[in-house]
């Protein structure tokens, strides 16, 4: 069953309303601690890679952190097809973030562009019937989304208005995010990439609502750990109108993931301070740009240092080789080129 937008305010039950303050407090703390980072692109890059991997894993697209970081070293020569899919997710998130930053709107056009970047095609909304959602274990059809192309377009137009028109409803933004996610997944407007597109929409909506400044809160790690509940509760809204449990699940996901991300950022910041102290006191070539590079890229390379520090290739190689000799980085080969691993950062990110 598709929800008629705008919604009945009765879905904001007492249990739902009681769950909101803790989630908002965690989001506000996350927003503040993210602002304390010297270069916020560090968070977009490192946390974004992890979200891309987790969100793809929900769709059974699996890759290792090693493959993921190697694929960033050489985008034209991906280590695996799955790593390429994950890199597409990163690009799609950045595309969406750039577009909503320009327009302060999350439009159908932006959603299509996100999915287009994810899938690498311009298929757009579904035009042919036959799409169904099946139980991944039994193959049983559990839900049939709208099939008529005009109905899909109309539903997406109404969803766009629901997202952007603040006069339509006074729902709490976290409740509204959960409604938007349900509605988008139930419309299922694309042939492929609906789940990943929907999870990108979640973070973009929180940015639109100014609950965050950057795309750094990613719910996929929580969803993948509670995957059966996620799909069960989505389906229970369709079959039983069980909004309360769905909303509680998504609000808890925001709170839990915010707290987890806060903890990770604190650890990254502490590790950065350790490296800053070591570099500043032992190397004449220390700079904040060098430190930022080593934390923006868990696997870095000479070209990244050249670009970020505006130095020659020889100088960049000398910097990295010195840090490798002194065990601050680990030097390895990929094809004929060298790359350099920030091992403590890699371990920190992999512990998630």
C-alpha atoms as a PDB file:
ATOM      1  CA  UNK A   1       0.000   0.000   0.000  1.00  0.00           C
ATOM      2  CA  UNK A   2       1.365   3.387  -0.948  1.00  0.00           C
ATOM      3  CA  UNK A   3       0.986   6.224   1.499  1.00  0.00           C
ATOM      4  CA  UNK A   4      -1.158   9.190   0.544  1.00  0.00           C
ATOM      5  CA  UNK A   5       0.974  12.306   0.963  1.00  0.00           C
ATOM      6  CA  UNK A   6       0.757  14.474   3.037  1.00  0.00           C
ATOM      7  CA  UNK A   7       0.206  12.031   5.866  1.00  0.00           C
ATOM      8  CA  UNK A   8      -2.074  11.727   8.851  1.00  0.00           C
ATOM      9  CA  UNK A   9      -0.423  13.296  11.902  1.00  0.00           C
ATOM     10  CA  UNK A  10      -1.612  10.381  14.020  1.00  0.00           C
ATOM     11  CA  UNK A  11       1.436   8.372  12.972  1.00  0.00           C
ATOM     12  CA  UNK A  12       3.477  10.532  15.392  1.00  0.00           C
ATOM     13  CA  UNK A  13       2.462   8.424  18.390  1.00  0.00           C
ATOM     14  CA  UNK A  14       3.622   9.013  21.962  1.00  0.00           C
ATOM     15  CA  UNK A  15       6.331   6.345  21.582  1.00  0.00           C
ATOM     16  CA  UNK A  16       7.564   7.983  18.393  1.00  0.00           C
ATOM     17  CA  UNK A  17       7.609  11.457  19.938  1.00  0.00           C
ATOM     18  CA  UNK A  18       9.454  10.187  23.031  1.00  0.00           C
ATOM     19  CA  UNK A  19      12.167   8.636  20.848  1.00  0.00           C
ATOM     20  CA  UNK A  20      12.943  11.864  18.987  1.00  0.00           C
ATOM     21  CA  UNK A  21      14.866  14.022  21.552  1.00  0.00           C
ATOM     22  CA  UNK A  22      17.715  11.522  21.982  1.00  0.00           C
ATOM     23  CA  UNK A  23      18.125  11.163  18.226  1.00  0.00           C
ATOM     24  CA  UNK A  24      18.151  14.938  17.715  1.00  0.00           C
ATOM     25  CA  UNK A  25      20.669  15.402  20.535  1.00  0.00           C
ATOM     26  CA  UNK A  26      22.977  12.828  18.951  1.00  0.00           C
ATOM     27  CA  UNK A  27      22.646  14.495  15.535  1.00  0.00           C
ATOM     28  CA  UNK A  28      23.409  17.920  17.006  1.00  0.00           C
ATOM     29  CA  UNK A  29      26.491  16.558  18.764  1.00  0.00           C
ATOM     30  CA  UNK A  30      27.639  14.923  15.525  1.00  0.00           C
ATOM     31  CA  UNK A  31      27.170  18.177  13.614  1.00  0.00           C
ATOM     32  CA  UNK A  32      29.261  20.021  16.201  1.00  0.00           C
ATOM     33  CA  UNK A  33      32.102  17.529  16.399  1.00  0.00           C
ATOM     34  CA  UNK A  34      32.325  17.316  12.619  1.00  0.00           C
ATOM     35  CA  UNK A  35      32.770  21.091  12.494  1.00  0.00           C
ATOM     36  CA  UNK A  36      35.827  20.747  14.753  1.00  0.00           C
ATOM     37  CA  UNK A  37      37.797  18.813  12.114  1.00  0.00           C
ATOM     38  CA  UNK A  38      40.504  20.922  10.411  1.00  0.00           C
ATOM     39  CA  UNK A  39      39.523  19.622   6.962  1.00  0.00           C
ATOM     40  CA  UNK A  40      35.995  18.295   6.746  1.00  0.00           C
ATOM     41  CA  UNK A  41      36.654  16.581   3.429  1.00  0.00           C
ATOM     42  CA  UNK A  42      38.547  14.029   5.531  1.00  0.00           C
ATOM     43  CA  UNK A  43      35.215  12.929   6.973  1.00  0.00           C
ATOM     44  CA  UNK A  44      33.387  13.013   3.644  1.00  0.00           C
ATOM     45  CA  UNK A  45      36.045  10.818   2.088  1.00  0.00           C
ATOM     46  CA  UNK A  46      36.739   8.301   4.862  1.00  0.00           C
ATOM     47  CA  UNK A  47      33.200   7.933   6.205  1.00  0.00           C
ATOM     48  CA  UNK A  48      31.735   8.176   2.707  1.00  0.00           C
ATOM     49  CA  UNK A  49      33.786   5.203   1.562  1.00  0.00           C
ATOM     50  CA  UNK A  50      32.518   3.134   4.478  1.00  0.00           C
ATOM     51  CA  UNK A  51      28.890   4.060   3.801  1.00  0.00           C
ATOM     52  CA  UNK A  52      29.274   3.260   0.123  1.00  0.00           C
ATOM     53  CA  UNK A  53      30.601  -0.173   1.014  1.00  0.00           C
ATOM     54  CA  UNK A  54      27.869  -0.873   3.594  1.00  0.00           C
ATOM     55  CA  UNK A  55      24.993   0.395   1.455  1.00  0.00           C
ATOM     56  CA  UNK A  56      26.213  -1.702  -1.470  1.00  0.00           C
ATOM     57  CA  UNK A  57      26.535  -4.743   0.816  1.00  0.00           C
ATOM     58  CA  UNK A  58      22.810  -4.464   1.645  1.00  0.00           C
ATOM     59  CA  UNK A  59      22.265  -5.186  -2.057  1.00  0.00           C
ATOM     60  CA  UNK A  60      24.750  -8.106  -1.885  1.00  0.00           C
ATOM     61  CA  UNK A  61      27.538  -6.113  -3.546  1.00  0.00           C
ATOM     62  CA  UNK A  62      30.505  -6.949  -1.343  1.00  0.00           C
ATOM     63  CA  UNK A  63      34.012  -5.513  -1.369  1.00  0.00           C
ATOM     64  CA  UNK A  64      36.911  -5.397   1.082  1.00  0.00           C
ATOM     65  CA  UNK A  65      38.393  -2.204   2.485  1.00  0.00           C
ATOM     66  CA  UNK A  66      41.622  -3.104   0.718  1.00  0.00           C
ATOM     67  CA  UNK A  67      39.917  -3.316  -2.693  1.00  0.00           C
ATOM     68  CA  UNK A  68      37.976  -0.154  -1.923  1.00  0.00           C
ATOM     69  CA  UNK A  69      41.032   1.971  -1.128  1.00  0.00           C
ATOM     70  CA  UNK A  70      43.023   0.514  -4.020  1.00  0.00           C
ATOM     71  CA  UNK A  71      40.221   1.445  -6.389  1.00  0.00           C
ATOM     72  CA  UNK A  72      40.530   5.053  -5.205  1.00  0.00           C
ATOM     73  CA  UNK A  73      44.220   5.000  -6.164  1.00  0.00           C
ATOM     74  CA  UNK A  74      43.444   4.201  -9.779  1.00  0.00           C
ATOM     75  CA  UNK A  75      39.816   4.910 -10.747  1.00  0.00           C
ATOM     76  CA  UNK A  76      40.406   3.829 -14.358  1.00  0.00           C
ATOM     77  CA  UNK A  77      41.602   0.382 -13.369  1.00  0.00           C
ATOM     78  CA  UNK A  78      39.265  -0.929 -10.670  1.00  0.00           C
ATOM     79  CA  UNK A  79      40.382  -3.879  -8.629  1.00  0.00           C
ATOM     80  CA  UNK A  80      36.951  -5.511  -8.931  1.00  0.00           C
ATOM     81  CA  UNK A  81      33.531  -4.878 -10.411  1.00  0.00           C
ATOM     82  CA  UNK A  82      32.132  -4.579  -6.886  1.00  0.00           C
ATOM     83  CA  UNK A  83      34.701  -1.916  -6.000  1.00  0.00           C
ATOM     84  CA  UNK A  84      33.568  -0.038  -9.118  1.00  0.00           C
ATOM     85  CA  UNK A  85      29.965  -0.208  -7.888  1.00  0.00           C
ATOM     86  CA  UNK A  86      31.061   1.242  -4.552  1.00  0.00           C
ATOM     87  CA  UNK A  87      32.982   4.048  -6.261  1.00  0.00           C
ATOM     88  CA  UNK A  88      29.822   4.830  -8.254  1.00  0.00           C
ATOM     89  CA  UNK A  89      27.956   5.153  -4.951  1.00  0.00           C
ATOM     90  CA  UNK A  90      30.507   7.665  -3.687  1.00  0.00           C
ATOM     91  CA  UNK A  91      30.200   9.662  -6.912  1.00  0.00           C
ATOM     92  CA  UNK A  92      26.386   9.574  -6.696  1.00  0.00           C
ATOM     93  CA  UNK A  93      26.419  10.884  -3.120  1.00  0.00           C
ATOM     94  CA  UNK A  94      28.739  13.731  -4.094  1.00  0.00           C
ATOM     95  CA  UNK A  95      26.568  14.533  -7.104  1.00  0.00           C
ATOM     96  CA  UNK A  96      23.457  14.722  -4.930  1.00  0.00           C
ATOM     97  CA  UNK A  97      25.232  16.809  -2.278  1.00  0.00           C
ATOM     98  CA  UNK A  98      26.486  19.287  -4.892  1.00  0.00           C
ATOM     99  CA  UNK A  99      23.032  19.626  -6.475  1.00  0.00           C
ATOM    100  CA  UNK A 100      21.138  20.224  -3.211  1.00  0.00           C
ATOM    101  CA  UNK A 101      23.862  22.660  -2.100  1.00  0.00           C
ATOM    102  CA  UNK A 102      23.234  24.705  -5.251  1.00  0.00           C
ATOM    103  CA  UNK A 103      19.428  24.654  -5.191  1.00  0.00           C
ATOM    104  CA  UNK A 104      18.453  23.951  -1.549  1.00  0.00           C
ATOM    105  CA  UNK A 105      15.934  21.502  -3.018  1.00  0.00           C
ATOM    106  CA  UNK A 106      15.815  17.730  -3.428  1.00  0.00           C
ATOM    107  CA  UNK A 107      14.030  17.374  -6.746  1.00  0.00           C
ATOM    108  CA  UNK A 108      13.028  14.497  -8.993  1.00  0.00           C
ATOM    109  CA  UNK A 109      15.739  15.646 -11.388  1.00  0.00           C
ATOM    110  CA  UNK A 110      18.350  15.319  -8.630  1.00  0.00           C
ATOM    111  CA  UNK A 111      17.066  11.852  -7.674  1.00  0.00           C
ATOM    112  CA  UNK A 112      17.284  10.725 -11.308  1.00  0.00           C
ATOM    113  CA  UNK A 113      20.830  12.117 -11.522  1.00  0.00           C
ATOM    114  CA  UNK A 114      21.834  10.204  -8.382  1.00  0.00           C
ATOM    115  CA  UNK A 115      20.509   6.922  -9.782  1.00  0.00           C
ATOM    116  CA  UNK A 116      22.059   7.654 -13.178  1.00  0.00           C
ATOM    117  CA  UNK A 117      25.472   8.081 -11.532  1.00  0.00           C
ATOM    118  CA  UNK A 118      24.974   4.910  -9.495  1.00  0.00           C
ATOM    119  CA  UNK A 119      24.006   2.721 -12.423  1.00  0.00           C
ATOM    120  CA  UNK A 120      25.952   4.381 -15.218  1.00  0.00           C
ATOM    121  CA  UNK A 121      22.956   4.633 -17.534  1.00  0.00           C
ATOM    122  CA  UNK A 122      20.128   7.005 -18.430  1.00  0.00           C
ATOM    123  CA  UNK A 123      17.213   4.563 -18.164  1.00  0.00           C
ATOM    124  CA  UNK A 124      15.267   6.939 -15.908  1.00  0.00           C
ATOM    125  CA  UNK A 125      11.959   5.901 -14.355  1.00  0.00           C
ATOM    126  CA  UNK A 126      10.539   2.490 -15.192  1.00  0.00           C
ATOM    127  CA  UNK A 127       8.548   2.412 -18.427  1.00  0.00           C
ATOM    128  CA  UNK A 128       7.913  -1.332 -18.740  1.00  0.00           C
ATOM    129  CA  UNK A 129       5.822  -3.521 -16.404  1.00  0.00           C
ATOM    130  CA  UNK A 130       7.162  -6.576 -14.637  1.00  0.00           C
ATOM    131  CA  UNK A 131       9.118  -5.208 -11.665  1.00  0.00           C
ATOM    132  CA  UNK A 132       8.403  -7.025  -8.412  1.00  0.00           C
ATOM    133  CA  UNK A 133      10.070  -7.277  -5.007  1.00  0.00           C
ATOM    134  CA  UNK A 134      10.830 -10.843  -3.981  1.00  0.00           C
ATOM    135  CA  UNK A 135      11.896 -12.659  -0.846  1.00  0.00           C
ATOM    136  CA  UNK A 136      15.624 -13.175  -1.397  1.00  0.00           C
ATOM    137  CA  UNK A 137      15.485 -16.651   0.144  1.00  0.00           C
ATOM    138  CA  UNK A 138      12.282 -18.138  -1.277  1.00  0.00           C
ATOM    139  CA  UNK A 139      11.819 -16.131  -4.484  1.00  0.00           C
ATOM    140  CA  UNK A 140       8.228 -15.405  -3.444  1.00  0.00           C
ATOM    141  CA  UNK A 141       6.803 -12.080  -4.640  1.00  0.00           C
ATOM    142  CA  UNK A 142       6.135 -10.025  -1.517  1.00  0.00           C
ATOM    143  CA  UNK A 143       5.299  -6.674  -3.111  1.00  0.00           C
ATOM    144  CA  UNK A 144       4.429  -5.341  -6.543  1.00  0.00           C
ATOM    145  CA  UNK A 145       5.181  -1.623  -6.911  1.00  0.00           C
ATOM    146  CA  UNK A 146       3.240   0.641  -9.293  1.00  0.00           C
ATOM    147  CA  UNK A 147       3.616  -0.543 -12.879  1.00  0.00           C
ATOM    148  CA  UNK A 148       2.103   2.261 -14.937  1.00  0.00           C
ATOM    149  CA  UNK A 149       4.747   4.818 -16.068  1.00  0.00           C
ATOM    150  CA  UNK A 150       2.387   7.767 -15.623  1.00  0.00           C
ATOM    151  CA  UNK A 151       1.468   6.651 -12.102  1.00  0.00           C
ATOM    152  CA  UNK A 152       5.165   6.375 -11.221  1.00  0.00           C
ATOM    153  CA  UNK A 153       5.800   9.910 -12.499  1.00  0.00           C
ATOM    154  CA  UNK A 154       2.775  11.274 -10.629  1.00  0.00           C
ATOM    155  CA  UNK A 155       3.821   9.603  -7.378  1.00  0.00           C
ATOM    156  CA  UNK A 156       7.362  10.945  -7.702  1.00  0.00           C
ATOM    157  CA  UNK A 157       6.019  14.446  -8.380  1.00  0.00           C
ATOM    158  CA  UNK A 158       3.952  14.252  -5.193  1.00  0.00           C
ATOM    159  CA  UNK A 159       6.938  12.909  -3.265  1.00  0.00           C
ATOM    160  CA  UNK A 160       9.075  15.810  -4.528  1.00  0.00           C
ATOM    161  CA  UNK A 161       6.479  18.267  -3.243  1.00  0.00           C
ATOM    162  CA  UNK A 162       6.274  16.448   0.102  1.00  0.00           C
ATOM    163  CA  UNK A 163      10.060  16.650   0.487  1.00  0.00           C
ATOM    164  CA  UNK A 164      10.412  20.338  -0.345  1.00  0.00           C
ATOM    165  CA  UNK A 165       7.159  22.072   0.645  1.00  0.00           C
ATOM    166  CA  UNK A 166       7.420  22.787   4.374  1.00  0.00           C
ATOM    167  CA  UNK A 167       3.817  24.026   4.473  1.00  0.00           C
ATOM    168  CA  UNK A 168       2.373  20.587   3.708  1.00  0.00           C
ATOM    169  CA  UNK A 169       3.081  19.066   7.108  1.00  0.00           C
ATOM    170  CA  UNK A 170       4.598  19.817  10.482  1.00  0.00           C
ATOM    171  CA  UNK A 171       6.136  16.373  10.998  1.00  0.00           C
ATOM    172  CA  UNK A 172       9.412  16.194  12.856  1.00  0.00           C
ATOM    173  CA  UNK A 173      12.185  15.995  10.202  1.00  0.00           C
ATOM    174  CA  UNK A 174      13.263  12.520  11.342  1.00  0.00           C
ATOM    175  CA  UNK A 175       9.707  11.236  11.029  1.00  0.00           C
ATOM    176  CA  UNK A 176       9.468  12.858   7.633  1.00  0.00           C
ATOM    177  CA  UNK A 177      12.765  11.270   6.537  1.00  0.00           C
ATOM    178  CA  UNK A 178      11.388   7.842   7.433  1.00  0.00           C
ATOM    179  CA  UNK A 179       8.161   8.527   5.515  1.00  0.00           C
ATOM    180  CA  UNK A 180      10.126   9.709   2.478  1.00  0.00           C
ATOM    181  CA  UNK A 181      12.293   6.586   2.590  1.00  0.00           C
ATOM    182  CA  UNK A 182       9.276   4.290   2.827  1.00  0.00           C
ATOM    183  CA  UNK A 183       7.448   6.088   0.029  1.00  0.00           C
ATOM    184  CA  UNK A 184      10.431   6.117  -2.329  1.00  0.00           C
ATOM    185  CA  UNK A 185      11.214   2.425  -1.754  1.00  0.00           C
ATOM    186  CA  UNK A 186       7.559   1.536  -2.296  1.00  0.00           C
ATOM    187  CA  UNK A 187       7.263   3.539  -5.507  1.00  0.00           C
ATOM    188  CA  UNK A 188      10.471   1.760  -6.575  1.00  0.00           C
ATOM    189  CA  UNK A 189      10.708   4.075  -9.578  1.00  0.00           C
ATOM    190  CA  UNK A 190      13.875   2.674 -11.199  1.00  0.00           C
ATOM    191  CA  UNK A 191      14.750  -0.664 -12.729  1.00  0.00           C
ATOM    192  CA  UNK A 192      17.873  -0.842 -10.528  1.00  0.00           C
ATOM    193  CA  UNK A 193      19.500   1.053  -7.675  1.00  0.00           C
ATOM    194  CA  UNK A 194      16.356   1.956  -5.716  1.00  0.00           C
ATOM    195  CA  UNK A 195      17.715   0.872  -2.332  1.00  0.00           C
ATOM    196  CA  UNK A 196      21.007   2.700  -2.660  1.00  0.00           C
ATOM    197  CA  UNK A 197      19.345   5.805  -4.117  1.00  0.00           C
ATOM    198  CA  UNK A 198      16.874   5.808  -1.221  1.00  0.00           C
ATOM    199  CA  UNK A 199      19.665   5.657   1.350  1.00  0.00           C
ATOM    200  CA  UNK A 200      21.451   8.584  -0.315  1.00  0.00           C
ATOM    201  CA  UNK A 201      18.161  10.534  -0.187  1.00  0.00           C
ATOM    202  CA  UNK A 202      18.086  10.000   3.617  1.00  0.00           C
ATOM    203  CA  UNK A 203      21.334  11.872   4.250  1.00  0.00           C
ATOM    204  CA  UNK A 204      20.575  14.585   1.693  1.00  0.00           C
ATOM    205  CA  UNK A 205      17.251  15.280   3.381  1.00  0.00           C
ATOM    206  CA  UNK A 206      18.925  15.707   6.784  1.00  0.00           C
ATOM    207  CA  UNK A 207      21.288  18.239   5.181  1.00  0.00           C
ATOM    208  CA  UNK A 208      18.354  20.086   3.605  1.00  0.00           C
ATOM    209  CA  UNK A 209      16.799  20.314   7.066  1.00  0.00           C
ATOM    210  CA  UNK A 210      20.130  21.696   8.406  1.00  0.00           C
ATOM    211  CA  UNK A 211      20.427  18.875  10.913  1.00  0.00           C
ATOM    212  CA  UNK A 212      23.844  18.234   9.377  1.00  0.00           C
ATOM    213  CA  UNK A 213      26.159  20.260   7.158  1.00  0.00           C
ATOM    214  CA  UNK A 214      27.917  17.378   5.430  1.00  0.00           C
ATOM    215  CA  UNK A 215      27.015  13.904   4.152  1.00  0.00           C
ATOM    216  CA  UNK A 216      28.633  12.059   7.056  1.00  0.00           C
ATOM    217  CA  UNK A 217      25.752  10.257   8.804  1.00  0.00           C
ATOM    218  CA  UNK A 218      25.194   6.944   7.113  1.00  0.00           C
ATOM    219  CA  UNK A 219      22.487   4.569   8.226  1.00  0.00           C
ATOM    220  CA  UNK A 220      23.599   1.583   6.156  1.00  0.00           C
ATOM    221  CA  UNK A 221      25.841   0.098   8.848  1.00  0.00           C
ATOM    222  CA  UNK A 222      22.818  -0.058  11.169  1.00  0.00           C
ATOM    223  CA  UNK A 223      20.514  -1.347   8.438  1.00  0.00           C
ATOM    224  CA  UNK A 224      22.878  -4.130   7.399  1.00  0.00           C
ATOM    225  CA  UNK A 225      23.142  -5.313  11.002  1.00  0.00           C
ATOM    226  CA  UNK A 226      19.346  -5.310  11.221  1.00  0.00           C
ATOM    227  CA  UNK A 227      18.583  -6.188   7.622  1.00  0.00           C
ATOM    228  CA  UNK A 228      15.724  -8.597   8.271  1.00  0.00           C
ATOM    229  CA  UNK A 229      13.960  -6.064  10.540  1.00  0.00           C
ATOM    230  CA  UNK A 230      14.469  -3.316   7.965  1.00  0.00           C
ATOM    231  CA  UNK A 231      12.740  -5.251   5.181  1.00  0.00           C
ATOM    232  CA  UNK A 232      10.109  -6.731   7.525  1.00  0.00           C
ATOM    233  CA  UNK A 233       9.086  -3.324   8.866  1.00  0.00           C
ATOM    234  CA  UNK A 234       8.971  -1.760   5.404  1.00  0.00           C
ATOM    235  CA  UNK A 235       6.615  -4.553   4.380  1.00  0.00           C
ATOM    236  CA  UNK A 236       4.511  -4.210   7.526  1.00  0.00           C
ATOM    237  CA  UNK A 237       3.722  -0.605   6.643  1.00  0.00           C
ATOM    238  CA  UNK A 238       2.490  -1.836   3.253  1.00  0.00           C
ATOM    239  CA  UNK A 239       0.432  -4.729   4.583  1.00  0.00           C
ATOM    240  CA  UNK A 240      -0.610  -3.681   8.104  1.00  0.00           C
ATOM    241  CA  UNK A 241      -0.128   0.094   8.159  1.00  0.00           C
ATOM    242  CA  UNK A 242       2.356  -0.455  11.016  1.00  0.00           C
ATOM    243  CA  UNK A 243       3.931   2.981  10.956  1.00  0.00           C
ATOM    244  CA  UNK A 244       4.945   3.137  14.597  1.00  0.00           C
ATOM    245  CA  UNK A 245       7.501   0.305  14.485  1.00  0.00           C
ATOM    246  CA  UNK A 246       8.943   1.540  11.190  1.00  0.00           C
ATOM    247  CA  UNK A 247       9.383   5.080  12.495  1.00  0.00           C
ATOM    248  CA  UNK A 248      10.925   3.844  15.746  1.00  0.00           C
ATOM    249  CA  UNK A 249      13.369   1.700  13.776  1.00  0.00           C
ATOM    250  CA  UNK A 250      14.529   4.624  11.603  1.00  0.00           C
ATOM    251  CA  UNK A 251      14.757   7.066  14.523  1.00  0.00           C
ATOM    252  CA  UNK A 252      16.809   4.545  16.490  1.00  0.00           C
ATOM    253  CA  UNK A 253      19.016   4.079  13.418  1.00  0.00           C
ATOM    254  CA  UNK A 254      19.714   7.827  13.368  1.00  0.00           C
ATOM    255  CA  UNK A 255      20.534   7.930  17.093  1.00  0.00           C
ATOM    256  CA  UNK A 256      22.699   4.804  17.091  1.00  0.00           C
ATOM    257  CA  UNK A 257      24.571   5.707  13.925  1.00  0.00           C
ATOM    258  CA  UNK A 258      25.144   9.273  15.140  1.00  0.00           C
ATOM    259  CA  UNK A 259      26.684   7.998  18.390  1.00  0.00           C
ATOM    260  CA  UNK A 260      28.805   5.475  16.496  1.00  0.00           C
ATOM    261  CA  UNK A 261      30.000   8.165  14.079  1.00  0.00           C
ATOM    262  CA  UNK A 262      30.807  10.577  16.917  1.00  0.00           C
ATOM    263  CA  UNK A 263      32.972   7.902  18.520  1.00  0.00           C
ATOM    264  CA  UNK A 264      34.755   7.229  15.229  1.00  0.00           C
ATOM    265  CA  UNK A 265      35.400  10.929  14.553  1.00  0.00           C
ATOM    266  CA  UNK A 266      36.858  11.367  18.053  1.00  0.00           C
ATOM    267  CA  UNK A 267      39.222   8.459  17.416  1.00  0.00           C
ATOM    268  CA  UNK A 268      40.220   9.848  14.003  1.00  0.00           C
ATOM    269  CA  UNK A 269      40.838  13.250  15.558  1.00  0.00           C
ATOM    270  CA  UNK A 270      42.986  11.746  18.334  1.00  0.00           C
ATOM    271  CA  UNK A 271      45.011   9.786  15.796  1.00  0.00           C
ATOM    272  CA  UNK A 272      45.474  12.948  13.722  1.00  0.00           C
ATOM    273  CA  UNK A 273      46.764  14.801  16.760  1.00  0.00           C
ATOM    274  CA  UNK A 274      49.275  12.008  17.422  1.00  0.00           C
ATOM    275  CA  UNK A 275      50.497  12.180  13.816  1.00  0.00           C
ATOM    276  CA  UNK A 276      50.576  15.977  13.922  1.00  0.00           C
ATOM    277  CA  UNK A 277      52.770  15.960  17.028  1.00  0.00           C
ATOM    278  CA  UNK A 278      55.111  13.340  15.536  1.00  0.00           C
ATOM    279  CA  UNK A 279      55.404  15.011  12.139  1.00  0.00           C
ATOM    280  CA  UNK A 280      55.757  18.555  13.443  1.00  0.00           C
ATOM    281  CA  UNK A 281      58.526  17.615  15.867  1.00  0.00           C
ATOM    282  CA  UNK A 282      60.527  15.325  13.594  1.00  0.00           C
ATOM    283  CA  UNK A 283      60.141  16.454   9.984  1.00  0.00           C
ATOM    284  CA  UNK A 284      60.996  19.814   8.451  1.00  0.00           C
ATOM    285  CA  UNK A 285      58.531  19.146   5.649  1.00  0.00           C
ATOM    286  CA  UNK A 286      55.538  18.913   8.040  1.00  0.00           C
ATOM    287  CA  UNK A 287      52.459  20.886   6.954  1.00  0.00           C
ATOM    288  CA  UNK A 288      48.759  20.773   7.720  1.00  0.00           C
ATOM    289  CA  UNK A 289      48.132  19.902   4.071  1.00  0.00           C
ATOM    290  CA  UNK A 290      50.374  16.850   4.396  1.00  0.00           C
ATOM    291  CA  UNK A 291      48.567  15.737   7.553  1.00  0.00           C
ATOM    292  CA  UNK A 292      45.181  16.232   5.903  1.00  0.00           C
ATOM    293  CA  UNK A 293      46.274  14.154   2.914  1.00  0.00           C
ATOM    294  CA  UNK A 294      47.379  11.230   5.070  1.00  0.00           C
ATOM    295  CA  UNK A 295      43.942  11.154   6.722  1.00  0.00           C
ATOM    296  CA  UNK A 296      41.828  11.928   3.677  1.00  0.00           C
ATOM    297  CA  UNK A 297      43.305   8.904   1.898  1.00  0.00           C
ATOM    298  CA  UNK A 298      43.925   5.766   3.998  1.00  0.00           C
ATOM    299  CA  UNK A 299      45.913   4.671   0.944  1.00  0.00           C
ATOM    300  CA  UNK A 300      47.778   7.632  -0.542  1.00  0.00           C
ATOM    301  CA  UNK A 301      50.204   7.983  -3.445  1.00  0.00           C
ATOM    302  CA  UNK A 302      52.749  10.362  -4.904  1.00  0.00           C
ATOM    303  CA  UNK A 303      50.225  12.043  -7.205  1.00  0.00           C
ATOM    304  CA  UNK A 304      47.904  12.842  -4.286  1.00  0.00           C
ATOM    305  CA  UNK A 305      50.769  14.544  -2.415  1.00  0.00           C
ATOM    306  CA  UNK A 306      51.823  16.441  -5.549  1.00  0.00           C
ATOM    307  CA  UNK A 307      48.281  17.741  -5.995  1.00  0.00           C
ATOM    308  CA  UNK A 308      47.471  18.593  -2.375  1.00  0.00           C
ATOM    309  CA  UNK A 309      50.849  20.111  -1.439  1.00  0.00           C
ATOM    310  CA  UNK A 310      51.666  21.597  -4.862  1.00  0.00           C
ATOM    311  CA  UNK A 311      55.145  20.034  -4.904  1.00  0.00           C
ATOM    312  CA  UNK A 312      57.164  18.169  -7.527  1.00  0.00           C
ATOM    313  CA  UNK A 313      56.925  14.431  -8.004  1.00  0.00           C
ATOM    314  CA  UNK A 314      60.445  13.941  -6.639  1.00  0.00           C
ATOM    315  CA  UNK A 315      59.644  15.975  -3.525  1.00  0.00           C
ATOM    316  CA  UNK A 316      56.365  14.108  -2.951  1.00  0.00           C
ATOM    317  CA  UNK A 317      58.136  10.760  -3.324  1.00  0.00           C
ATOM    318  CA  UNK A 318      60.833  11.824  -0.879  1.00  0.00           C
ATOM    319  CA  UNK A 319      58.232  12.803   1.732  1.00  0.00           C
ATOM    320  CA  UNK A 320      56.355   9.509   1.461  1.00  0.00           C
ATOM    321  CA  UNK A 321      59.463   7.364   1.362  1.00  0.00           C
ATOM    322  CA  UNK A 322      60.851   9.063   4.479  1.00  0.00           C
ATOM    323  CA  UNK A 323      57.596   8.450   6.350  1.00  0.00           C
ATOM    324  CA  UNK A 324      57.613   4.861   5.143  1.00  0.00           C
ATOM    325  CA  UNK A 325      61.215   4.319   6.252  1.00  0.00           C
ATOM    326  CA  UNK A 326      60.254   5.597   9.698  1.00  0.00           C
ATOM    327  CA  UNK A 327      57.198   3.259   9.889  1.00  0.00           C
ATOM    328  CA  UNK A 328      54.591   6.026   9.903  1.00  0.00           C
ATOM    329  CA  UNK A 329      53.316   4.665   6.590  1.00  0.00           C
ATOM    330  CA  UNK A 330      53.556   1.249   4.964  1.00  0.00           C
ATOM    331  CA  UNK A 331      54.861   1.248   1.384  1.00  0.00           C
ATOM    332  CA  UNK A 332      53.409  -1.260  -1.094  1.00  0.00           C
ATOM    333  CA  UNK A 333      53.250  -1.800  -4.845  1.00  0.00           C
ATOM    334  CA  UNK A 334      50.212  -1.734  -7.120  1.00  0.00           C
ATOM    335  CA  UNK A 335      51.320  -2.674 -10.607  1.00  0.00           C
ATOM    336  CA  UNK A 336      54.419  -0.603 -11.304  1.00  0.00           C
ATOM    337  CA  UNK A 337      53.536   2.198  -8.868  1.00  0.00           C
ATOM    338  CA  UNK A 338      53.932   2.570  -5.108  1.00  0.00           C
ATOM    339  CA  UNK A 339      51.208   3.414  -2.644  1.00  0.00           C
ATOM    340  CA  UNK A 340      51.411   4.192   1.071  1.00  0.00           C
ATOM    341  CA  UNK A 341      49.052   2.979   3.810  1.00  0.00           C
ATOM    342  CA  UNK A 342      48.159   4.846   6.984  1.00  0.00           C
ATOM    343  CA  UNK A 343      47.845   1.586   8.928  1.00  0.00           C
ATOM    344  CA  UNK A 344      46.379   2.960  12.190  1.00  0.00           C
ATOM    345  CA  UNK A 345      43.674   4.812  10.213  1.00  0.00           C
ATOM    346  CA  UNK A 346      42.987   1.734   8.076  1.00  0.00           C
ATOM    347  CA  UNK A 347      42.538  -0.398  11.208  1.00  0.00           C
ATOM    348  CA  UNK A 348      40.299   2.207  12.810  1.00  0.00           C
ATOM    349  CA  UNK A 349      37.988   2.321   9.783  1.00  0.00           C
ATOM    350  CA  UNK A 350      38.023  -1.458   9.369  1.00  0.00           C
ATOM    351  CA  UNK A 351      36.910  -2.001  12.981  1.00  0.00           C
ATOM    352  CA  UNK A 352      33.456  -0.742  12.044  1.00  0.00           C
END
